[in-house]
Amino acid sequence: MITREECEALDAVDPLAVFRKEFALPEGIVYLDGNSLGALPARTPGRVRQVVEEEWGRELIRSWNDAGWFEQPYRLGRRIAPLIGADPAEVVVCDTTSVNLFKVLTAALRLRPGRGTVLGDRVAFPTDLYIAEGVTGLFDGARSVLVDPAELDRHLDADVAVVVLSHVDYRTGELLDMPGITARVQAAGALMIWDVCHSVGALPVELGASGADFAVGCTYKYLNGGPGSPAFLYVAGRHLAAGPEQPLSGWFGHARPFAFEPGYDPREGIGRFLTSSPSLLGQAALESSLDVWERADLAAVRAKSLALTDLFISLVEGLDGVEVATPREHARRGSQVALRHADGYPVVQALIARGVIGDFRAPDLMRFGFTPLYLSYTDVWDAARQLAEVLESGEWREERFSRRGEVT
């Protein structure tokens, strides 16, 4: 079993250790929930203050031009593109993941007339399932069918128009084979939409090389854009060239928004997927986080992620009542570790009381996210030790740890 001293030695030679100072981490906290909400970048408050006090407060409406507010969705999209293996012209930052999925799923269905089935993972993050249900309800003869991704191939018949899957399972951290699945879906004549919320910023994502048709993702997890930060969407260039139709035809997606014309004429390119005015404060926070990401080596991030999750698994397997739900194989693992425990919720709450923050997903999953830019090997060792002590002491049985908040 690795010792804490050995973890300290690993930290001393960690090439990503220099990034820890880029984040405002509370003293005495081991934060293992960056897969749900990333930590605050140290530069974010200053950048948001600049937008509020200078660009808005002093320059007022002039900042739409002078501070580049109008172009911000495109500019941020170009900066996210390298993180997801996309061409800069294929990505735009706007709206939320749910809204963006509604847009790209509707556009995809319109590209496959005569086909009406949308396949999704039966245990995907619920917003993906709900949006698919809502979109198919708008098309005559369309239906949303939920399947196990391991059995996807037997469901790929001639009526399947679109497949929507999460690159990383939000519950278990399982990583799916993006290029392999995409190729099989397209060979069946369907289009592939990937949800990369739990992989962007956690590992290299290769949408372009994989041949993906569309993708959506958020920026508040591993990208540290802040609570409610804007999402992004990706549309392959071959589809943009064909002029896909998206349903939310708001004025920001118009070819000439300041002509104030009564009829809708969509922009060329990725801009046709814009709908309305961007949230500039949220985009400012994301902008400051991307300043950090542009200096990070994604290959080093992935290597450390796997090392941290390997370490945690080795330290916690065998603990009383704990079952590791995350795949052991590196090729099938994202950047989180999920542990099953019959009383997972109070165990996590007891752990949080000790300063180790993870989260819980019903019915029995304790989730721990590993964010290589600000997490150390020593942090992981300490977290595992605290979990062992919580389980050995039985303190999680205290009534206070069973009280459930609105957010778990």
Protein backbone atom coordinates (compact mmCIF):
# COMPACT_ATOMS: atom_id res chain seq x y z
CA MET A 1 0.00 0.00 0.00
CA ILE A 2 1.39 3.37 -1.00
CA THR A 3 2.32 5.71 1.85
CA ARG A 4 1.56 9.39 2.28
CA GLU A 5 5.27 10.13 2.00
CA GLU A 6 5.36 8.43 -1.38
CA CYS A 7 2.42 10.61 -2.47
CA GLU A 8 4.34 13.69 -1.36
CA ALA A 9 7.22 12.55 -3.55
CA LEU A 10 4.87 12.22 -6.52
CA ASP A 11 3.57 15.74 -5.88
CA ALA A 12 7.12 17.08 -5.86
CA VAL A 13 7.66 15.98 -9.49
CA ASP A 14 4.14 16.57 -10.79
CA PRO A 15 4.34 18.75 -13.95
CA LEU A 16 0.78 20.02 -13.34
CA ALA A 17 1.39 21.09 -9.72
CA VAL A 18 2.07 24.66 -10.87
CA PHE A 19 -1.61 25.03 -11.78
CA ARG A 20 -2.86 24.57 -8.22
CA LYS A 21 -2.16 28.22 -7.42
CA GLU A 22 -4.49 29.19 -10.26
CA PHE A 23 -7.49 28.16 -8.15
CA ALA A 24 -8.99 29.67 -5.00
CA LEU A 25 -9.30 26.51 -2.93
CA PRO A 26 -10.52 26.81 0.67
CA GLU A 27 -7.97 25.86 3.31
CA GLY A 28 -8.48 22.40 4.79
CA ILE A 29 -10.77 21.15 2.00
CA VAL A 30 -10.12 18.24 -0.33
CA TYR A 31 -12.40 18.94 -3.26
CA LEU A 32 -13.50 15.81 -5.12
CA ASP A 33 -16.61 17.26 -6.75
CA GLY A 34 -15.12 19.07 -9.73
CA ASN A 35 -17.05 16.65 -11.94
CA SER A 36 -20.18 18.43 -10.72
CA LEU A 37 -18.97 22.01 -10.14
CA GLY A 38 -15.40 23.06 -10.78
CA ALA A 39 -13.39 25.13 -8.33
CA LEU A 40 -13.11 28.91 -8.66
CA PRO A 41 -10.15 30.09 -10.78
CA ALA A 42 -8.22 32.76 -8.88
CA ARG A 43 -8.44 35.18 -11.81
CA THR A 44 -12.23 34.93 -12.27
CA PRO A 45 -13.37 37.52 -9.68
CA GLY A 46 -11.10 40.15 -11.22
CA ARG A 47 -12.29 39.46 -14.75
CA VAL A 48 -15.97 39.54 -13.77
CA ARG A 49 -15.36 42.73 -11.80
CA GLN A 50 -13.78 44.27 -14.89
CA VAL A 51 -16.84 43.46 -16.98
CA VAL A 52 -19.21 44.79 -14.32
CA GLU A 53 -17.35 47.95 -13.32
CA GLU A 54 -15.60 48.94 -16.54
CA GLU A 55 -17.23 47.37 -19.57
CA TRP A 56 -20.78 47.66 -18.23
CA GLY A 57 -20.45 50.33 -15.54
CA ARG A 58 -18.36 52.86 -17.43
CA GLU A 59 -18.65 51.98 -21.10
CA LEU A 60 -22.30 50.95 -20.92
CA ILE A 61 -23.87 49.88 -24.22
CA ARG A 62 -20.73 50.83 -26.16
CA SER A 63 -19.15 47.57 -24.96
CA TRP A 64 -21.21 45.53 -27.41
CA ASN A 65 -18.77 46.86 -30.00
CA ASP A 66 -15.78 48.22 -28.10
CA ALA A 67 -15.36 45.27 -25.70
CA GLY A 68 -16.34 42.65 -28.26
CA TRP A 69 -19.47 41.47 -26.47
CA PHE A 70 -21.24 40.68 -29.73
CA GLU A 71 -18.49 38.32 -30.91
CA GLN A 72 -17.97 36.62 -27.55
CA PRO A 73 -19.96 33.41 -28.33
CA TYR A 74 -17.73 32.78 -31.35
CA ARG A 75 -14.51 33.78 -29.63
CA LEU A 76 -15.14 31.41 -26.73
CA GLY A 77 -16.18 28.67 -29.13
CA ARG A 78 -12.84 28.97 -30.90
CA ARG A 79 -11.05 28.63 -27.57
CA ILE A 80 -13.00 25.51 -26.58
CA ALA A 81 -12.50 23.86 -29.97
CA PRO A 82 -8.99 22.47 -29.18
CA LEU A 83 -10.32 20.87 -26.00
CA ILE A 84 -12.84 18.82 -27.96
CA GLY A 85 -10.88 18.12 -31.14
CA ALA A 86 -12.96 20.41 -33.33
CA ASP A 87 -12.35 23.04 -35.98
CA PRO A 88 -12.78 26.56 -34.50
CA ALA A 89 -15.62 27.26 -36.94
CA GLU A 90 -17.62 24.28 -35.64
CA VAL A 91 -18.12 25.42 -32.02
CA VAL A 92 -20.12 28.19 -30.40
CA VAL A 93 -20.76 29.02 -26.74
CA CYS A 94 -24.38 29.77 -25.88
CA ASP A 95 -27.40 28.87 -23.77
CA THR A 96 -27.46 25.70 -21.64
CA THR A 97 -26.76 22.04 -22.36
CA SER A 98 -30.49 21.26 -22.38
CA VAL A 99 -31.33 24.07 -24.80
CA ASN A 100 -28.42 23.18 -27.06
CA LEU A 101 -29.41 19.52 -27.12
CA PHE A 102 -32.93 20.57 -28.12
CA LYS A 103 -31.45 22.54 -31.01
CA VAL A 104 -29.04 19.93 -32.36
CA LEU A 105 -31.41 16.99 -31.87
CA THR A 106 -34.16 18.77 -33.78
CA ALA A 107 -31.70 19.70 -36.52
CA ALA A 108 -30.49 16.10 -36.71
CA LEU A 109 -34.01 14.70 -37.01
CA ARG A 110 -34.72 17.12 -39.85
CA LEU A 111 -31.64 15.76 -41.64
CA ARG A 112 -33.08 12.24 -41.55
CA PRO A 113 -36.61 12.48 -43.00
CA GLY A 114 -38.44 9.17 -43.10
CA ARG A 115 -36.71 7.95 -39.95
CA GLY A 116 -38.29 8.53 -36.55
CA THR A 117 -36.40 6.73 -33.77
CA VAL A 118 -34.02 8.46 -31.38
CA LEU A 119 -31.91 6.02 -29.36
CA GLY A 120 -30.56 7.02 -25.97
CA ASP A 121 -28.94 5.45 -22.94
CA ARG A 122 -31.60 4.37 -20.46
CA VAL A 123 -29.47 5.62 -17.54
CA ALA A 124 -28.14 8.81 -19.17
CA PHE A 125 -28.26 12.09 -17.30
CA PRO A 126 -31.99 12.82 -17.15
CA THR A 127 -31.93 16.10 -19.08
CA ASP A 128 -30.82 14.18 -22.18
CA LEU A 129 -33.73 11.78 -21.78
CA TYR A 130 -36.25 14.51 -21.10
CA ILE A 131 -35.16 16.64 -24.05
CA ALA A 132 -35.28 13.62 -26.39
CA GLU A 133 -38.79 12.87 -25.16
CA GLY A 134 -39.84 16.46 -25.75
CA VAL A 135 -38.29 16.73 -29.22
CA THR A 136 -39.73 13.46 -30.53
CA GLY A 137 -43.14 14.60 -29.31
CA LEU A 138 -42.96 17.42 -31.86
CA PHE A 139 -42.45 15.09 -34.85
CA ASP A 140 -45.21 12.88 -36.20
CA GLY A 141 -44.21 9.25 -35.89
CA ALA A 142 -41.04 9.97 -33.93
CA ARG A 143 -40.21 8.17 -30.69
CA SER A 144 -37.51 8.08 -28.06
CA VAL A 145 -36.21 4.58 -27.27
CA LEU A 146 -33.93 3.93 -24.30
CA VAL A 147 -31.38 1.13 -24.53
CA ASP A 148 -28.23 -0.19 -22.89
CA PRO A 149 -25.23 1.17 -24.88
CA ALA A 150 -23.66 -2.30 -24.73
CA GLU A 151 -26.63 -3.56 -26.78
CA LEU A 152 -26.79 -0.58 -29.14
CA ASP A 153 -25.98 -2.50 -32.31
CA ARG A 154 -29.05 -4.71 -32.20
CA HIS A 155 -31.27 -1.61 -32.06
CA LEU A 156 -29.70 0.12 -35.09
CA ASP A 157 -32.42 -0.56 -37.62
CA ALA A 158 -33.59 1.41 -40.66
CA ASP A 159 -35.87 3.65 -38.58
CA VAL A 160 -33.14 5.01 -36.32
CA ALA A 161 -32.48 8.66 -37.17
CA VAL A 162 -30.27 9.77 -34.28
CA VAL A 163 -28.34 8.28 -31.38
CA VAL A 164 -27.61 10.42 -28.29
CA LEU A 165 -25.03 9.16 -25.80
CA SER A 166 -22.86 10.58 -23.02
CA HIS A 167 -19.15 10.17 -23.64
CA VAL A 168 -18.68 9.50 -19.91
CA ASP A 169 -21.42 7.98 -17.74
CA TYR A 170 -22.24 10.59 -15.09
CA ARG A 171 -22.95 7.85 -12.54
CA THR A 172 -20.09 5.38 -12.89
CA GLY A 173 -17.47 7.33 -14.81
CA GLU A 174 -17.41 4.75 -17.61
CA LEU A 175 -15.87 6.11 -20.83
CA LEU A 176 -17.48 5.03 -24.09
CA ASP A 177 -15.66 4.29 -27.36
CA MET A 178 -16.48 7.47 -29.27
CA PRO A 179 -14.94 6.62 -32.67
CA GLY A 180 -16.15 3.00 -32.66
CA ILE A 181 -19.74 3.81 -31.70
CA THR A 182 -19.91 6.77 -34.07
CA ALA A 183 -18.77 4.63 -36.99
CA ARG A 184 -21.35 1.93 -36.28
CA VAL A 185 -24.19 4.42 -35.88
CA GLN A 186 -23.32 6.16 -39.14
CA ALA A 187 -22.93 2.84 -40.96
CA ALA A 188 -26.58 2.22 -40.05
CA GLY A 189 -27.56 5.52 -41.68
CA ALA A 190 -28.14 7.43 -38.42
CA LEU A 191 -26.53 10.56 -36.97
CA MET A 192 -24.46 10.64 -33.78
CA ILE A 193 -24.83 13.25 -31.02
CA TRP A 194 -22.38 13.14 -28.12
CA ASP A 195 -22.87 14.73 -24.70
CA VAL A 196 -19.33 15.59 -23.55
CA CYS A 197 -20.24 17.30 -20.28
CA HIS A 198 -18.29 14.78 -18.20
CA SER A 199 -15.29 14.49 -20.49
CA VAL A 200 -14.38 18.00 -21.71
CA GLY A 201 -11.50 19.21 -19.57
CA ALA A 202 -11.05 15.76 -18.06
CA LEU A 203 -9.47 14.00 -21.03
CA PRO A 204 -8.72 14.63 -24.71
CA VAL A 205 -11.95 14.60 -26.71
CA GLU A 206 -11.69 14.01 -30.47
CA LEU A 207 -15.02 14.90 -32.05
CA GLY A 208 -13.55 15.66 -35.45
CA ALA A 209 -11.31 12.59 -35.66
CA SER A 210 -14.18 10.43 -34.47
CA GLY A 211 -16.50 11.72 -37.18
CA ALA A 212 -19.15 12.93 -34.73
CA ASP A 213 -22.11 14.75 -36.27
CA PHE A 214 -23.12 16.95 -33.32
CA ALA A 215 -22.14 17.42 -29.69
CA VAL A 216 -23.16 19.43 -26.64
CA GLY A 217 -21.29 20.16 -23.43
CA CYS A 218 -21.23 22.30 -20.32
CA THR A 219 -18.43 24.47 -18.92
CA TYR A 220 -19.09 24.45 -15.18
CA LYS A 221 -17.57 21.05 -14.38
CA TYR A 222 -13.95 20.35 -15.33
CA LEU A 223 -13.69 23.66 -17.24
CA ASN A 224 -14.40 25.67 -14.06
CA GLY A 225 -16.64 28.24 -15.72
CA GLY A 226 -18.75 28.70 -12.59
CA PRO A 227 -22.31 27.76 -11.54
CA GLY A 228 -24.68 28.20 -14.46
CA SER A 229 -21.87 29.08 -16.88
CA PRO A 230 -22.82 28.91 -20.56
CA ALA A 231 -22.76 25.67 -22.51
CA PHE A 232 -21.42 25.01 -26.00
CA LEU A 233 -22.45 23.05 -29.05
CA TYR A 234 -20.57 21.47 -31.93
CA VAL A 235 -21.79 20.86 -35.46
CA ALA A 236 -19.56 19.06 -37.97
CA GLY A 237 -18.53 21.28 -40.85
CA ARG A 238 -20.12 18.97 -43.42
CA HIS A 239 -23.52 19.58 -41.83
CA LEU A 240 -22.97 23.33 -41.48
CA ALA A 241 -22.27 23.48 -45.21
CA ALA A 242 -25.71 21.98 -45.85
CA GLY A 243 -27.44 24.70 -43.81
CA PRO A 244 -29.12 22.67 -41.04
CA GLU A 245 -32.32 24.06 -39.53
CA GLN A 246 -32.56 24.53 -35.80
CA PRO A 247 -35.90 25.34 -34.16
CA LEU A 248 -35.08 28.30 -31.89
CA SER A 249 -34.86 30.98 -34.55
CA GLY A 250 -33.99 33.93 -32.33
CA TRP A 251 -32.51 37.19 -33.47
CA PHE A 252 -28.89 36.35 -32.61
CA GLY A 253 -28.99 33.58 -35.20
CA HIS A 254 -30.26 35.92 -37.89
CA ALA A 255 -27.93 36.81 -40.75
CA ARG A 256 -28.57 40.53 -40.15
CA PRO A 257 -29.82 40.94 -36.57
CA PHE A 258 -29.66 44.73 -36.64
CA ALA A 259 -31.62 45.03 -39.86
CA PHE A 260 -34.70 44.21 -37.75
CA GLU A 261 -36.40 42.38 -40.58
CA PRO A 262 -39.73 40.58 -39.98
CA GLY A 263 -38.68 37.32 -41.66
CA TYR A 264 -36.04 34.92 -40.37
CA ASP A 265 -32.91 34.43 -42.47
CA PRO A 266 -30.37 32.25 -40.62
CA ARG A 267 -26.67 33.03 -40.50
CA GLU A 268 -24.19 30.94 -42.40
CA GLY A 269 -22.07 28.51 -40.36
CA ILE A 270 -22.20 27.83 -36.65
CA GLY A 271 -23.86 31.19 -35.97
CA ARG A 272 -27.20 29.80 -37.13
CA PHE A 273 -27.32 27.86 -33.85
CA LEU A 274 -27.35 31.03 -31.76
CA THR A 275 -30.68 32.17 -30.40
CA SER A 276 -30.54 35.16 -28.07
CA SER A 277 -28.26 37.61 -26.29
CA PRO A 278 -25.43 35.91 -24.39
CA SER A 279 -24.97 36.08 -20.63
CA LEU A 280 -21.89 38.29 -20.59
CA LEU A 281 -21.07 37.84 -16.91
CA GLY A 282 -21.16 34.07 -17.23
CA GLN A 283 -19.07 34.23 -20.38
CA ALA A 284 -16.53 36.49 -18.66
CA ALA A 285 -16.06 33.88 -15.93
CA LEU A 286 -15.58 31.17 -18.53
CA GLU A 287 -13.12 33.36 -20.40
CA SER A 288 -10.86 33.62 -17.36
CA SER A 289 -10.92 29.85 -16.85
CA LEU A 290 -9.97 29.24 -20.48
CA ASP A 291 -6.91 31.44 -19.89
CA VAL A 292 -5.72 28.63 -17.61
CA TRP A 293 -6.74 25.80 -19.92
CA GLU A 294 -4.82 27.24 -22.84
CA ARG A 295 -1.61 26.59 -20.89
CA ALA A 296 -2.50 23.03 -19.86
CA ASP A 297 -1.27 19.94 -21.70
CA LEU A 298 -4.29 17.66 -22.17
CA ALA A 299 -2.08 14.58 -22.47
CA ALA A 300 -0.55 15.40 -19.07
CA VAL A 301 -4.02 16.03 -17.65
CA ARG A 302 -5.17 12.61 -18.83
CA ALA A 303 -2.06 10.85 -17.51
CA LYS A 304 -2.46 12.40 -14.07
CA SER A 305 -6.20 11.74 -14.03
CA LEU A 306 -5.59 8.04 -14.56
CA ALA A 307 -2.84 8.00 -11.94
CA LEU A 308 -5.06 9.74 -9.37
CA THR A 309 -8.03 7.47 -9.99
CA ASP A 310 -5.76 4.39 -9.91
CA LEU A 311 -4.41 5.58 -6.56
CA PHE A 312 -7.85 6.19 -5.08
CA ILE A 313 -9.20 2.83 -6.24
CA SER A 314 -6.20 1.03 -4.75
CA LEU A 315 -6.71 2.79 -1.41
CA VAL A 316 -10.47 2.27 -1.05
CA GLU A 317 -11.13 -1.16 -2.52
CA GLY A 318 -11.79 -3.61 0.26
CA LEU A 319 -13.31 -1.02 2.60
CA ASP A 320 -16.33 -2.33 4.46
CA GLY A 321 -19.50 -2.25 2.34
CA VAL A 322 -17.78 -0.54 -0.59
CA GLU A 323 -17.90 -1.74 -4.21
CA VAL A 324 -15.95 0.05 -6.95
CA ALA A 325 -18.42 0.76 -9.79
CA THR A 326 -15.95 2.50 -12.09
CA PRO A 327 -14.15 0.43 -14.75
CA ARG A 328 -10.56 -0.50 -13.91
CA GLU A 329 -9.42 -0.38 -17.55
CA HIS A 330 -7.96 3.00 -18.46
CA ALA A 331 -9.60 2.99 -21.89
CA ARG A 332 -13.01 2.72 -20.23
CA ARG A 333 -12.56 5.26 -17.42
CA GLY A 334 -13.26 8.98 -17.32
CA SER A 335 -11.94 11.14 -14.47
CA GLN A 336 -14.15 10.07 -11.58
CA VAL A 337 -14.51 7.08 -9.29
CA ALA A 338 -17.94 5.88 -8.20
CA LEU A 339 -18.30 3.66 -5.16
CA ARG A 340 -21.44 1.73 -4.31
CA HIS A 341 -22.52 1.62 -0.68
CA ALA A 342 -25.97 0.79 0.66
CA ASP A 343 -25.86 3.92 2.84
CA GLY A 344 -23.94 6.10 0.44
CA TYR A 345 -25.77 9.35 1.18
CA PRO A 346 -24.98 9.61 4.92
CA VAL A 347 -21.45 8.33 4.31
CA VAL A 348 -20.83 11.18 1.86
CA GLN A 349 -22.34 13.71 4.26
CA ALA A 350 -20.08 12.49 7.08
CA LEU A 351 -17.12 12.75 4.74
CA ILE A 352 -18.07 16.31 3.78
CA ALA A 353 -18.21 17.21 7.48
CA ARG A 354 -14.57 16.13 7.66
CA GLY A 355 -13.63 18.43 4.78
CA VAL A 356 -13.63 15.93 1.92
CA ILE A 357 -16.28 16.96 -0.60
CA GLY A 358 -17.76 14.37 -2.95
CA ASP A 359 -21.38 13.80 -3.89
CA PHE A 360 -24.10 11.16 -4.09
CA ARG A 361 -26.33 9.86 -6.87
CA ALA A 362 -29.32 7.68 -6.12
CA PRO A 363 -29.74 4.95 -5.32
CA ASP A 364 -26.33 4.04 -3.89
CA LEU A 365 -23.45 5.77 -5.69
CA MET A 366 -20.83 7.90 -3.96
CA ARG A 367 -19.06 9.93 -6.66
CA PHE A 368 -15.57 11.40 -6.46
CA GLY A 369 -14.23 13.58 -9.25
CA PHE A 370 -10.52 13.94 -9.93
CA THR A 371 -9.42 17.28 -11.36
CA PRO A 372 -5.70 17.11 -12.20
CA LEU A 373 -5.07 20.85 -12.37
CA TYR A 374 -5.74 21.43 -8.68
CA LEU A 375 -5.76 18.01 -7.01
CA SER A 376 -2.62 16.45 -5.55
CA TYR A 377 -1.65 12.85 -4.87
CA THR A 378 -1.53 13.72 -1.18
CA ASP A 379 -5.10 15.04 -1.38
CA VAL A 380 -6.19 11.67 -2.75
CA TRP A 381 -4.37 9.77 -0.01
CA ASP A 382 -5.96 11.99 2.66
CA ALA A 383 -9.43 11.57 1.17
CA ALA A 384 -9.15 7.79 1.13
CA ARG A 385 -7.93 7.80 4.72
CA GLN A 386 -10.88 9.96 5.81
CA LEU A 387 -13.34 7.66 4.01
CA ALA A 388 -11.85 4.65 5.79
CA GLU A 389 -12.18 6.39 9.14
CA VAL A 390 -15.80 7.38 8.48
CA LEU A 391 -16.68 3.78 7.69
CA GLU A 392 -14.66 2.28 10.55
CA SER A 393 -16.05 4.68 13.15
CA GLY A 394 -19.67 4.33 12.02
CA GLU A 395 -20.15 8.08 12.52
CA TRP A 396 -22.16 8.22 9.28
CA ARG A 397 -25.02 6.65 11.26
CA GLU A 398 -25.58 9.92 13.15
CA GLU A 399 -29.04 11.25 12.37
CA ARG A 400 -27.73 14.61 11.08
CA PHE A 401 -26.02 12.92 8.15
CA SER A 402 -29.28 11.39 6.90
CA ARG A 403 -31.09 14.72 6.47
CA ARG A 404 -31.39 15.36 2.75
CA GLY A 405 -31.08 18.74 1.13
CA GLU A 406 -32.63 19.74 -2.17
CA VAL A 407 -29.31 19.04 -3.90
CA THR A 408 -27.51 15.78 -3.18
